[in-house]
Amino acid sequence: MAMNDERAPGVSVALRRRIANALEAGERPSLQGNNLRLGSVVLQRADGTDRPAMQEVELQMRRRGIDVGDAFNTFTSAPYRRGRSSYATDTNGNERRI
């Protein structure tokens, strides 16, 4: 299968279209609340579970020549311990327990 024909499993045609429209509009994956999103499309939940749409976004970004290097990073700092919990700072500057 050629790269242009590659599709992520579990992603509907309508969701592929929403992802394509968001990327064409210049949107990039970002942390919104507790979820990693591309516009209104949830890519990763707060518990770290990847949604099927994440793979589709990565495929479409690569097809368009968009750098995916740090596109899906939600944390800017290495995890650190405080008491019995681990924390890290997200891309919005908020400290989160992980």
PDB file of N, CA and C in Angstrom:
ATOM      1  N   MET A   1       0.841  -1.176   0.000  1.00  0.00           N
ATOM      2  CA  MET A   1       0.000   0.000   0.000  1.00  0.00           C
ATOM      3  C   MET A   1       0.889   1.243   0.000  1.00  0.00           C
ATOM      4  N   ALA A   2       0.638   2.167  -0.870  1.00  0.00           N
ATOM      5  CA  ALA A   2       1.413   3.393  -0.958  1.00  0.00           C
ATOM      6  C   ALA A   2       1.108   4.292   0.231  1.00  0.00           C
ATOM      7  N   MET A   3       2.035   5.176   0.551  1.00  0.00           N
ATOM      8  CA  MET A   3       1.847   6.066   1.694  1.00  0.00           C
ATOM      9  C   MET A   3       0.607   6.932   1.535  1.00  0.00           C
ATOM     10  N   ASN A   4       0.282   7.358   0.325  1.00  0.00           N
ATOM     11  CA  ASN A   4      -0.894   8.190   0.103  1.00  0.00           C
ATOM     12  C   ASN A   4      -2.186   7.435   0.358  1.00  0.00           C
ATOM     13  N   ASP A   5      -2.137   6.097   0.297  1.00  0.00           N
ATOM     14  CA  ASP A   5      -3.324   5.290   0.526  1.00  0.00           C
ATOM     15  C   ASP A   5      -3.435   4.817   1.969  1.00  0.00           C
ATOM     16  N   GLU A   6      -2.383   5.044   2.758  1.00  0.00           N
ATOM     17  CA  GLU A   6      -2.352   4.568   4.134  1.00  0.00           C
ATOM     18  C   GLU A   6      -3.396   5.312   4.972  1.00  0.00           C
ATOM     19  N   ARG A   7      -4.126   4.558   5.788  1.00  0.00           N
ATOM     20  CA  ARG A   7      -5.151   5.130   6.653  1.00  0.00           C
ATOM     21  C   ARG A   7      -5.058   4.475   8.019  1.00  0.00           C
ATOM     22  N   ALA A   8      -5.371   5.227   9.043  1.00  0.00           N
ATOM     23  CA  ALA A   8      -5.364   4.689  10.403  1.00  0.00           C
ATOM     24  C   ALA A   8      -6.619   3.851  10.619  1.00  0.00           C
ATOM     25  N   PRO A   9      -6.494   2.708  11.275  1.00  0.00           N
ATOM     26  CA  PRO A   9      -7.663   1.878  11.542  1.00  0.00           C
ATOM     27  C   PRO A   9      -8.582   2.539  12.566  1.00  0.00           C
ATOM     28  N   GLY A  10      -9.872   2.326  12.420  1.00  0.00           N
ATOM     29  CA  GLY A  10     -10.850   2.838  13.374  1.00  0.00           C
ATOM     30  C   GLY A  10     -11.213   4.298  13.204  1.00  0.00           C
ATOM     31  N   VAL A  11     -10.851   4.904  12.065  1.00  0.00           N
ATOM     32  CA  VAL A  11     -11.157   6.311  11.819  1.00  0.00           C
ATOM     33  C   VAL A  11     -12.124   6.397  10.642  1.00  0.00           C
ATOM     34  N   SER A  12     -13.259   7.028  10.868  1.00  0.00           N
ATOM     35  CA  SER A  12     -14.279   7.130   9.824  1.00  0.00           C
ATOM     36  C   SER A  12     -13.878   8.138   8.751  1.00  0.00           C
ATOM     37  N   VAL A  13     -14.557   8.083   7.630  1.00  0.00           N
ATOM     38  CA  VAL A  13     -14.309   9.023   6.527  1.00  0.00           C
ATOM     39  C   VAL A  13     -14.594  10.452   6.985  1.00  0.00           C
ATOM     40  N   ALA A  14     -15.672  10.631   7.750  1.00  0.00           N
ATOM     41  CA  ALA A  14     -16.029  11.968   8.235  1.00  0.00           C
ATOM     42  C   ALA A  14     -14.952  12.524   9.168  1.00  0.00           C
ATOM     43  N   LEU A  15     -14.389  11.673  10.029  1.00  0.00           N
ATOM     44  CA  LEU A  15     -13.335  12.122  10.936  1.00  0.00           C
ATOM     45  C   LEU A  15     -12.064  12.451  10.160  1.00  0.00           C
ATOM     46  N   ARG A  16     -11.741  11.650   9.141  1.00  0.00           N
ATOM     47  CA  ARG A  16     -10.584  11.960   8.281  1.00  0.00           C
ATOM     48  C   ARG A  16     -10.745  13.332   7.635  1.00  0.00           C
ATOM     49  N   ARG A  17     -11.960  13.627   7.207  1.00  0.00           N
ATOM     50  CA  ARG A  17     -12.248  14.918   6.571  1.00  0.00           C
ATOM     51  C   ARG A  17     -12.095  16.061   7.587  1.00  0.00           C
ATOM     52  N   ARG A  18     -12.576  15.875   8.820  1.00  0.00           N
ATOM     53  CA  ARG A  18     -12.430  16.901   9.859  1.00  0.00           C
ATOM     54  C   ARG A  18     -10.956  17.160  10.164  1.00  0.00           C
ATOM     55  N   ILE A  19     -10.174  16.095  10.220  1.00  0.00           N
ATOM     56  CA  ILE A  19      -8.738  16.228  10.473  1.00  0.00           C
ATOM     57  C   ILE A  19      -8.077  16.989   9.327  1.00  0.00           C
ATOM     58  N   ALA A  20      -8.399  16.618   8.087  1.00  0.00           N
ATOM     59  CA  ALA A  20      -7.834  17.289   6.918  1.00  0.00           C
ATOM     60  C   ALA A  20      -8.199  18.770   6.911  1.00  0.00           C
ATOM     61  N   ASN A  21      -9.442  19.104   7.207  1.00  0.00           N
ATOM     62  CA  ASN A  21      -9.869  20.502   7.227  1.00  0.00           C
ATOM     63  C   ASN A  21      -9.136  21.295   8.305  1.00  0.00           C
ATOM     64  N   ALA A  22      -8.942  20.691   9.484  1.00  0.00           N
ATOM     65  CA  ALA A  22      -8.231  21.377  10.563  1.00  0.00           C
ATOM     66  C   ALA A  22      -6.774  21.630  10.183  1.00  0.00           C
ATOM     67  N   LEU A  23      -6.122  20.636   9.589  1.00  0.00           N
ATOM     68  CA  LEU A  23      -4.727  20.815   9.173  1.00  0.00           C
ATOM     69  C   LEU A  23      -4.606  21.850   8.069  1.00  0.00           C
ATOM     70  N   GLU A  24      -5.535  21.845   7.123  1.00  0.00           N
ATOM     71  CA  GLU A  24      -5.513  22.832   6.043  1.00  0.00           C
ATOM     72  C   GLU A  24      -5.742  24.243   6.565  1.00  0.00           C
ATOM     73  N   ALA A  25      -6.497  24.359   7.680  1.00  0.00           N
ATOM     74  CA  ALA A  25      -6.756  25.667   8.287  1.00  0.00           C
ATOM     75  C   ALA A  25      -5.572  26.142   9.129  1.00  0.00           C
ATOM     76  N   GLY A  26      -4.530  25.314   9.229  1.00  0.00           N
ATOM     77  CA  GLY A  26      -3.333  25.712   9.961  1.00  0.00           C
ATOM     78  C   GLY A  26      -3.320  25.305  11.420  1.00  0.00           C
ATOM     79  N   GLU A  27      -4.309  24.549  11.857  1.00  0.00           N
ATOM     80  CA  GLU A  27      -4.328  24.098  13.247  1.00  0.00           C
ATOM     81  C   GLU A  27      -3.282  23.017  13.461  1.00  0.00           C
ATOM     82  N   ARG A  28      -2.760  22.954  14.680  1.00  0.00           N
ATOM     83  CA  ARG A  28      -1.790  21.941  15.070  1.00  0.00           C
ATOM     84  C   ARG A  28      -2.244  21.328  16.386  1.00  0.00           C
ATOM     85  N   PRO A  29      -1.814  20.108  16.685  1.00  0.00           N
ATOM     86  CA  PRO A  29      -2.200  19.481  17.946  1.00  0.00           C
ATOM     87  C   PRO A  29      -1.789  20.355  19.132  1.00  0.00           C
ATOM     88  N   SER A  30      -2.709  20.494  20.096  1.00  0.00           N
ATOM     89  CA  SER A  30      -2.418  21.295  21.280  1.00  0.00           C
ATOM     90  C   SER A  30      -3.177  20.725  22.470  1.00  0.00           C
ATOM     91  N   LEU A  31      -2.686  21.051  23.646  1.00  0.00           N
ATOM     92  CA  LEU A  31      -3.315  20.604  24.872  1.00  0.00           C
ATOM     93  C   LEU A  31      -4.439  21.570  25.208  1.00  0.00           C
ATOM     94  N   GLN A  32      -5.656  21.057  25.273  1.00  0.00           N
ATOM     95  CA  GLN A  32      -6.822  21.864  25.617  1.00  0.00           C
ATOM     96  C   GLN A  32      -7.497  21.194  26.799  1.00  0.00           C
ATOM     97  N   GLY A  33      -7.442  21.862  27.940  1.00  0.00           N
ATOM     98  CA  GLY A  33      -7.938  21.231  29.159  1.00  0.00           C
ATOM     99  C   GLY A  33      -7.032  20.065  29.503  1.00  0.00           C
ATOM    100  N   ASN A  34      -7.615  18.892  29.611  1.00  0.00           N
ATOM    101  CA  ASN A  34      -6.842  17.692  29.922  1.00  0.00           C
ATOM    102  C   ASN A  34      -6.615  16.803  28.717  1.00  0.00           C
ATOM    103  N   ASN A  35      -7.031  17.241  27.543  1.00  0.00           N
ATOM    104  CA  ASN A  35      -6.936  16.407  26.341  1.00  0.00           C
ATOM    105  C   ASN A  35      -6.026  17.033  25.291  1.00  0.00           C
ATOM    106  N   LEU A  36      -5.285  16.181  24.599  1.00  0.00           N
ATOM    107  CA  LEU A  36      -4.544  16.628  23.429  1.00  0.00           C
ATOM    108  C   LEU A  36      -5.529  16.615  22.274  1.00  0.00           C
ATOM    109  N   ARG A  37      -5.674  17.743  21.585  1.00  0.00           N
ATOM    110  CA  ARG A  37      -6.678  17.877  20.528  1.00  0.00           C
ATOM    111  C   ARG A  37      -6.097  18.518  19.278  1.00  0.00           C
ATOM    112  N   LEU A  38      -6.795  18.275  18.187  1.00  0.00           N
ATOM    113  CA  LEU A  38      -6.589  19.010  16.941  1.00  0.00           C
ATOM    114  C   LEU A  38      -7.948  19.629  16.652  1.00  0.00           C
ATOM    115  N   GLY A  39      -8.100  20.894  16.984  1.00  0.00           N
ATOM    116  CA  GLY A  39      -9.413  21.518  16.876  1.00  0.00           C
ATOM    117  C   GLY A  39     -10.369  20.844  17.834  1.00  0.00           C
ATOM    118  N   SER A  40     -11.448  20.276  17.316  1.00  0.00           N
ATOM    119  CA  SER A  40     -12.436  19.586  18.157  1.00  0.00           C
ATOM    120  C   SER A  40     -12.200  18.081  18.234  1.00  0.00           C
ATOM    121  N   VAL A  41     -11.166  17.591  17.570  1.00  0.00           N
ATOM    122  CA  VAL A  41     -10.877  16.156  17.521  1.00  0.00           C
ATOM    123  C   VAL A  41      -9.949  15.783  18.680  1.00  0.00           C
ATOM    124  N   VAL A  42     -10.413  14.894  19.557  1.00  0.00           N
ATOM    125  CA  VAL A  42      -9.594  14.438  20.683  1.00  0.00           C
ATOM    126  C   VAL A  42      -8.579  13.418  20.178  1.00  0.00           C
ATOM    127  N   LEU A  43      -7.299  13.685  20.452  1.00  0.00           N
ATOM    128  CA  LEU A  43      -6.221  12.793  20.023  1.00  0.00           C
ATOM    129  C   LEU A  43      -5.735  11.906  21.166  1.00  0.00           C
ATOM    130  N   GLN A  44      -5.733  12.462  22.369  1.00  0.00           N
ATOM    131  CA  GLN A  44      -5.274  11.721  23.540  1.00  0.00           C
ATOM    132  C   GLN A  44      -6.049  12.221  24.743  1.00  0.00           C
ATOM    133  N   ARG A  45      -6.557  11.270  25.511  1.00  0.00           N
ATOM    134  CA  ARG A  45      -7.321  11.625  26.709  1.00  0.00           C
ATOM    135  C   ARG A  45      -6.398  11.986  27.862  1.00  0.00           C
ATOM    136  N   ALA A  46      -6.972  12.533  28.918  1.00  0.00           N
ATOM    137  CA  ALA A  46      -6.202  12.958  30.088  1.00  0.00           C
ATOM    138  C   ALA A  46      -5.432  11.817  30.724  1.00  0.00           C
ATOM    139  N   ASP A  47      -5.938  10.598  30.620  1.00  0.00           N
ATOM    140  CA  ASP A  47      -5.244   9.448  31.214  1.00  0.00           C
ATOM    141  C   ASP A  47      -4.119   8.926  30.323  1.00  0.00           C
ATOM    142  N   GLY A  48      -3.860   9.589  29.199  1.00  0.00           N
ATOM    143  CA  GLY A  48      -2.773   9.200  28.310  1.00  0.00           C
ATOM    144  C   GLY A  48      -3.163   8.215  27.230  1.00  0.00           C
ATOM    145  N   THR A  49      -4.432   7.834  27.168  1.00  0.00           N
ATOM    146  CA  THR A  49      -4.907   6.886  26.163  1.00  0.00           C
ATOM    147  C   THR A  49      -4.964   7.554  24.795  1.00  0.00           C
ATOM    148  N   ASP A  50      -4.236   6.986  23.836  1.00  0.00           N
ATOM    149  CA  ASP A  50      -4.271   7.511  22.468  1.00  0.00           C
ATOM    150  C   ASP A  50      -5.561   7.088  21.789  1.00  0.00           C
ATOM    151  N   ARG A  51      -6.188   8.010  21.087  1.00  0.00           N
ATOM    152  CA  ARG A  51      -7.368   7.734  20.288  1.00  0.00           C
ATOM    153  C   ARG A  51      -6.912   7.360  18.875  1.00  0.00           C
ATOM    154  N   PRO A  52      -7.714   6.616  18.105  1.00  0.00           N
ATOM    155  CA  PRO A  52      -7.332   6.262  16.736  1.00  0.00           C
ATOM    156  C   PRO A  52      -7.037   7.488  15.868  1.00  0.00           C
ATOM    157  N   ALA A  53      -7.658   8.609  16.170  1.00  0.00           N
ATOM    158  CA  ALA A  53      -7.449   9.825  15.380  1.00  0.00           C
ATOM    159  C   ALA A  53      -6.010  10.314  15.442  1.00  0.00           C
ATOM    160  N   MET A  54      -5.283   9.998  16.526  1.00  0.00           N
ATOM    161  CA  MET A  54      -3.897  10.465  16.645  1.00  0.00           C
ATOM    162  C   MET A  54      -3.035   9.908  15.513  1.00  0.00           C
ATOM    163  N   GLN A  55      -3.192   8.637  15.219  1.00  0.00           N
ATOM    164  CA  GLN A  55      -2.421   8.025  14.136  1.00  0.00           C
ATOM    165  C   GLN A  55      -2.798   8.641  12.795  1.00  0.00           C
ATOM    166  N   GLU A  56      -4.069   8.925  12.596  1.00  0.00           N
ATOM    167  CA  GLU A  56      -4.521   9.544  11.352  1.00  0.00           C
ATOM    168  C   GLU A  56      -3.954  10.954  11.200  1.00  0.00           C
ATOM    169  N   VAL A  57      -3.913  11.718  12.293  1.00  0.00           N
ATOM    170  CA  VAL A  57      -3.339  13.066  12.244  1.00  0.00           C
ATOM    171  C   VAL A  57      -1.864  12.990  11.872  1.00  0.00           C
ATOM    172  N   GLU A  58      -1.146  12.055  12.480  1.00  0.00           N
ATOM    173  CA  GLU A  58       0.278  11.903  12.160  1.00  0.00           C
ATOM    174  C   GLU A  58       0.480  11.547  10.693  1.00  0.00           C
ATOM    175  N   LEU A  59      -0.322  10.619  10.174  1.00  0.00           N
ATOM    176  CA  LEU A  59      -0.216  10.243   8.759  1.00  0.00           C
ATOM    177  C   LEU A  59      -0.478  11.438   7.848  1.00  0.00           C
ATOM    178  N   GLN A  60      -1.543  12.185   8.142  1.00  0.00           N
ATOM    179  CA  GLN A  60      -1.877  13.333   7.297  1.00  0.00           C
ATOM    180  C   GLN A  60      -0.840  14.446   7.408  1.00  0.00           C
ATOM    181  N   MET A  61      -0.269  14.644   8.590  1.00  0.00           N
ATOM    182  CA  MET A  61       0.777  15.663   8.747  1.00  0.00           C
ATOM    183  C   MET A  61       2.015  15.278   7.933  1.00  0.00           C
ATOM    184  N   ARG A  62       2.388  14.002   7.980  1.00  0.00           N
ATOM    185  CA  ARG A  62       3.553  13.545   7.210  1.00  0.00           C
ATOM    186  C   ARG A  62       3.315  13.714   5.710  1.00  0.00           C
ATOM    187  N   ARG A  63       2.099  13.393   5.250  1.00  0.00           N
ATOM    188  CA  ARG A  63       1.767  13.552   3.827  1.00  0.00           C
ATOM    189  C   ARG A  63       1.897  14.996   3.378  1.00  0.00           C
ATOM    190  N   ARG A  64       1.568  15.922   4.268  1.00  0.00           N
ATOM    191  CA  ARG A  64       1.625  17.345   3.931  1.00  0.00           C
ATOM    192  C   ARG A  64       3.015  17.945   4.160  1.00  0.00           C
ATOM    193  N   GLY A  65       3.948  17.149   4.675  1.00  0.00           N
ATOM    194  CA  GLY A  65       5.293  17.644   4.940  1.00  0.00           C
ATOM    195  C   GLY A  65       5.379  18.495   6.198  1.00  0.00           C
ATOM    196  N   ILE A  66       4.433  18.333   7.124  1.00  0.00           N
ATOM    197  CA  ILE A  66       4.426  19.079   8.379  1.00  0.00           C
ATOM    198  C   ILE A  66       5.275  18.317   9.389  1.00  0.00           C
ATOM    199  N   ASP A  67       6.154  19.019  10.083  1.00  0.00           N
ATOM    200  CA  ASP A  67       7.034  18.399  11.068  1.00  0.00           C
ATOM    201  C   ASP A  67       6.211  17.819  12.222  1.00  0.00           C
ATOM    202  N   VAL A  68       6.416  16.547  12.505  1.00  0.00           N
ATOM    203  CA  VAL A  68       5.697  15.889  13.611  1.00  0.00           C
ATOM    204  C   VAL A  68       6.622  15.649  14.803  1.00  0.00           C
ATOM    205  N   GLY A  69       7.837  16.194  14.758  1.00  0.00           N
ATOM    206  CA  GLY A  69       8.830  15.961  15.800  1.00  0.00           C
ATOM    207  C   GLY A  69       8.301  16.138  17.215  1.00  0.00           C
ATOM    208  N   ASP A  70       7.845  17.316  17.569  1.00  0.00           N
ATOM    209  CA  ASP A  70       7.323  17.588  18.905  1.00  0.00           C
ATOM    210  C   ASP A  70       5.835  17.901  18.882  1.00  0.00           C
ATOM    211  N   ALA A  71       5.171  17.571  17.809  1.00  0.00           N
ATOM    212  CA  ALA A  71       3.755  17.922  17.655  1.00  0.00           C
ATOM    213  C   ALA A  71       2.857  17.263  18.692  1.00  0.00           C
ATOM    214  N   PHE A  72       3.268  16.107  19.208  1.00  0.00           N
ATOM    215  CA  PHE A  72       2.406  15.380  20.130  1.00  0.00           C
ATOM    216  C   PHE A  72       2.928  15.387  21.560  1.00  0.00           C
ATOM    217  N   ASN A  73       3.960  16.191  21.840  1.00  0.00           N
ATOM    218  CA  ASN A  73       4.467  16.318  23.200  1.00  0.00           C
ATOM    219  C   ASN A  73       3.513  17.180  24.018  1.00  0.00           C
ATOM    220  N   THR A  74       3.107  16.686  25.158  1.00  0.00           N
ATOM    221  CA  THR A  74       2.212  17.458  26.016  1.00  0.00           C
ATOM    222  C   THR A  74       2.937  18.037  27.217  1.00  0.00           C
ATOM    223  N   PHE A  75       4.178  17.607  27.441  1.00  0.00           N
ATOM    224  CA  PHE A  75       4.928  18.103  28.590  1.00  0.00           C
ATOM    225  C   PHE A  75       6.232  18.732  28.133  1.00  0.00           C
ATOM    226  N   THR A  76       6.606  19.840  28.796  1.00  0.00           N
ATOM    227  CA  THR A  76       7.831  20.546  28.443  1.00  0.00           C
ATOM    228  C   THR A  76       8.970  20.221  29.393  1.00  0.00           C
ATOM    229  N   SER A  77       8.666  19.627  30.549  1.00  0.00           N
ATOM    230  CA  SER A  77       9.713  19.306  31.509  1.00  0.00           C
ATOM    231  C   SER A  77       9.750  17.809  31.777  1.00  0.00           C
ATOM    232  N   ALA A  78      10.874  17.365  32.267  1.00  0.00           N
ATOM    233  CA  ALA A  78      10.986  15.966  32.679  1.00  0.00           C
ATOM    234  C   ALA A  78      10.178  15.782  33.966  1.00  0.00           C
ATOM    235  N   PRO A  79       9.637  14.606  34.168  1.00  0.00           N
ATOM    236  CA  PRO A  79       8.885  14.366  35.412  1.00  0.00           C
ATOM    237  C   PRO A  79       9.786  14.529  36.645  1.00  0.00           C
ATOM    238  N   TYR A  80       9.211  15.027  37.714  1.00  0.00           N
ATOM    239  CA  TYR A  80       9.936  15.171  38.972  1.00  0.00           C
ATOM    240  C   TYR A  80       9.035  14.717  40.110  1.00  0.00           C
ATOM    241  N   ARG A  81       9.646  14.292  41.196  1.00  0.00           N
ATOM    242  CA  ARG A  81       8.911  13.755  42.340  1.00  0.00           C
ATOM    243  C   ARG A  81       8.704  14.836  43.389  1.00  0.00           C
ATOM    244  N   ARG A  82       7.528  14.827  43.973  1.00  0.00           N
ATOM    245  CA  ARG A  82       7.229  15.641  45.137  1.00  0.00           C
ATOM    246  C   ARG A  82       6.377  14.775  46.043  1.00  0.00           C
ATOM    247  N   GLY A  83       6.932  14.420  47.168  1.00  0.00           N
ATOM    248  CA  GLY A  83       6.221  13.505  48.056  1.00  0.00           C
ATOM    249  C   GLY A  83       6.109  12.143  47.389  1.00  0.00           C
ATOM    250  N   ARG A  84       4.891  11.600  47.363  1.00  0.00           N
ATOM    251  CA  ARG A  84       4.672  10.282  46.763  1.00  0.00           C
ATOM    252  C   ARG A  84       4.193  10.362  45.322  1.00  0.00           C
ATOM    253  N   SER A  85       4.115  11.569  44.771  1.00  0.00           N
ATOM    254  CA  SER A  85       3.579  11.748  43.418  1.00  0.00           C
ATOM    255  C   SER A  85       4.642  12.255  42.459  1.00  0.00           C
ATOM    256  N   SER A  86       4.413  12.029  41.171  1.00  0.00           N
ATOM    257  CA  SER A  86       5.267  12.552  40.104  1.00  0.00           C
ATOM    258  C   SER A  86       4.521  13.661  39.389  1.00  0.00           C
ATOM    259  N   TYR A  87       5.230  14.716  39.029  1.00  0.00           N
ATOM    260  CA  TYR A  87       4.652  15.867  38.347  1.00  0.00           C
ATOM    261  C   TYR A  87       5.474  16.211  37.113  1.00  0.00           C
ATOM    262  N   ALA A  88       4.842  16.927  36.192  1.00  0.00           N
ATOM    263  CA  ALA A  88       5.520  17.481  35.023  1.00  0.00           C
ATOM    264  C   ALA A  88       4.761  18.737  34.610  1.00  0.00           C
ATOM    265  N   THR A  89       5.438  19.628  33.894  1.00  0.00           N
ATOM    266  CA  THR A  89       4.815  20.861  33.420  1.00  0.00           C
ATOM    267  C   THR A  89       4.365  20.652  31.976  1.00  0.00           C
ATOM    268  N   ASP A  90       3.081  20.956  31.697  1.00  0.00           N
ATOM    269  CA  ASP A  90       2.571  20.771  30.332  1.00  0.00           C
ATOM    270  C   ASP A  90       2.931  21.957  29.454  1.00  0.00           C
ATOM    271  N   THR A  91       2.565  21.878  28.179  1.00  0.00           N
ATOM    272  CA  THR A  91       2.934  22.924  27.212  1.00  0.00           C
ATOM    273  C   THR A  91       2.269  24.259  27.503  1.00  0.00           C
ATOM    274  N   ASN A  92       1.211  24.263  28.320  1.00  0.00           N
ATOM    275  CA  ASN A  92       0.542  25.506  28.704  1.00  0.00           C
ATOM    276  C   ASN A  92       1.127  26.100  29.979  1.00  0.00           C
ATOM    277  N   GLY A  93       2.139  25.431  30.551  1.00  0.00           N
ATOM    278  CA  GLY A  93       2.773  25.920  31.757  1.00  0.00           C
ATOM    279  C   GLY A  93       2.130  25.462  33.051  1.00  0.00           C
ATOM    280  N   ASN A  94       1.165  24.564  32.961  1.00  0.00           N
ATOM    281  CA  ASN A  94       0.482  24.062  34.156  1.00  0.00           C
ATOM    282  C   ASN A  94       1.186  22.830  34.696  1.00  0.00           C
ATOM    283  N   GLU A  95       1.336  22.790  36.009  1.00  0.00           N
ATOM    284  CA  GLU A  95       1.933  21.618  36.645  1.00  0.00           C
ATOM    285  C   GLU A  95       0.863  20.545  36.780  1.00  0.00           C
ATOM    286  N   ARG A  96       1.174  19.327  36.340  1.00  0.00           N
ATOM    287  CA  ARG A  96       0.204  18.229  36.386  1.00  0.00           C
ATOM    288  C   ARG A  96       0.800  17.015  37.066  1.00  0.00           C
ATOM    289  N   ARG A  97      -0.034  16.358  37.858  1.00  0.00           N
ATOM    290  CA  ARG A  97       0.385  15.093  38.464  1.00  0.00           C
ATOM    291  C   ARG A  97       0.252  14.003  37.423  1.00  0.00           C
ATOM    292  N   ILE A  98       1.277  13.202  37.282  1.00  0.00           N
ATOM    293  CA  ILE A  98       1.243  12.134  36.291  1.00  0.00           C
ATOM    294  C   ILE A  98       1.396  10.776  36.943  1.00  0.00           C
TER     295      ILE A  98
END
